[in-house]
Amino acid sequence: MSIGEVLNFPINMVEVPDHNFVRCEFEDKTYVNWDNNSGQTFTDDYFRKGLTPTSSSVFTF
């Protein structure tokens, strides 16, 4: 978050039940949900279903 702030990159933290991720917003109003735990992107629908990378098989050690 702080790196995005210094570089003036539009990053926001999003909180969902039992999880947080960052959303990178672009000038054309599109955005990417990026999960720093898994290093992957996820759709809004993924999180709406109550899934999180740490509670699904997407995140493995």
Protein backbone atom coordinates (compact mmCIF):
# COMPACT_ATOMS: atom_id res chain seq x y z
CA MET A 1 0.00 0.00 0.00
CA SER A 2 2.72 2.46 0.93
CA ILE A 3 4.68 1.80 -2.28
CA GLY A 4 1.55 2.50 -4.32
CA GLU A 5 1.00 5.70 -2.37
CA VAL A 6 4.56 6.92 -2.98
CA LEU A 7 4.35 6.07 -6.68
CA ASN A 8 0.85 7.59 -6.93
CA PHE A 9 -0.53 4.22 -8.07
CA PRO A 10 -4.25 3.82 -7.31
CA ILE A 11 -4.25 0.89 -4.88
CA ASN A 12 -6.95 0.36 -2.25
CA MET A 13 -7.28 -2.25 0.46
CA VAL A 14 -10.52 -4.21 0.34
CA GLU A 15 -11.82 -6.05 3.39
CA VAL A 16 -14.10 -9.07 3.07
CA PRO A 17 -15.07 -11.47 5.84
CA ASP A 18 -11.93 -13.22 7.12
CA HIS A 19 -9.69 -11.78 4.40
CA ASN A 20 -8.13 -8.64 2.87
CA PHE A 21 -6.82 -7.98 -0.62
CA VAL A 22 -5.81 -4.99 -2.71
CA ARG A 23 -7.64 -3.53 -5.68
CA CYS A 24 -5.66 -1.73 -8.37
CA GLU A 25 -7.87 0.73 -10.24
CA PHE A 26 -7.07 2.05 -13.71
CA GLU A 27 -7.99 5.28 -15.49
CA ASP A 28 -10.61 3.54 -17.64
CA LYS A 29 -12.46 2.49 -14.42
CA THR A 30 -11.43 -1.16 -14.72
CA TYR A 31 -9.68 -2.82 -11.82
CA VAL A 32 -7.84 -5.92 -10.70
CA ASN A 33 -8.31 -7.65 -7.35
CA TRP A 34 -4.89 -8.92 -6.27
CA ASP A 35 -4.33 -11.21 -3.32
CA ASN A 36 -0.89 -10.77 -1.81
CA ASN A 37 -1.07 -14.11 0.05
CA SER A 38 -1.35 -16.17 -3.12
CA GLY A 39 0.07 -13.69 -5.63
CA GLN A 40 -2.98 -14.23 -7.84
CA THR A 41 -5.88 -12.15 -9.11
CA PHE A 42 -9.52 -12.99 -8.33
CA THR A 43 -12.88 -11.74 -9.53
CA ASP A 44 -15.44 -9.99 -7.36
CA ASP A 45 -17.69 -13.04 -7.78
CA TYR A 46 -15.03 -15.25 -6.23
CA PHE A 47 -15.11 -13.20 -3.04
CA ARG A 48 -18.93 -12.78 -3.16
CA LYS A 49 -19.23 -16.56 -2.93
CA GLY A 50 -17.44 -16.36 0.41
CA LEU A 51 -14.25 -17.89 -0.93
CA THR A 52 -10.82 -16.67 0.02
CA PRO A 53 -7.48 -17.95 -1.25
CA THR A 54 -6.54 -19.02 2.28
CA SER A 55 -9.75 -21.05 2.71
CA SER A 56 -9.70 -22.77 -0.68
CA SER A 57 -7.37 -25.05 -2.57
CA VAL A 58 -5.96 -22.07 -4.48
CA PHE A 59 -3.58 -21.34 -1.63
CA THR A 60 -1.18 -24.18 -0.87
CA PHE A 61 2.07 -24.36 1.05
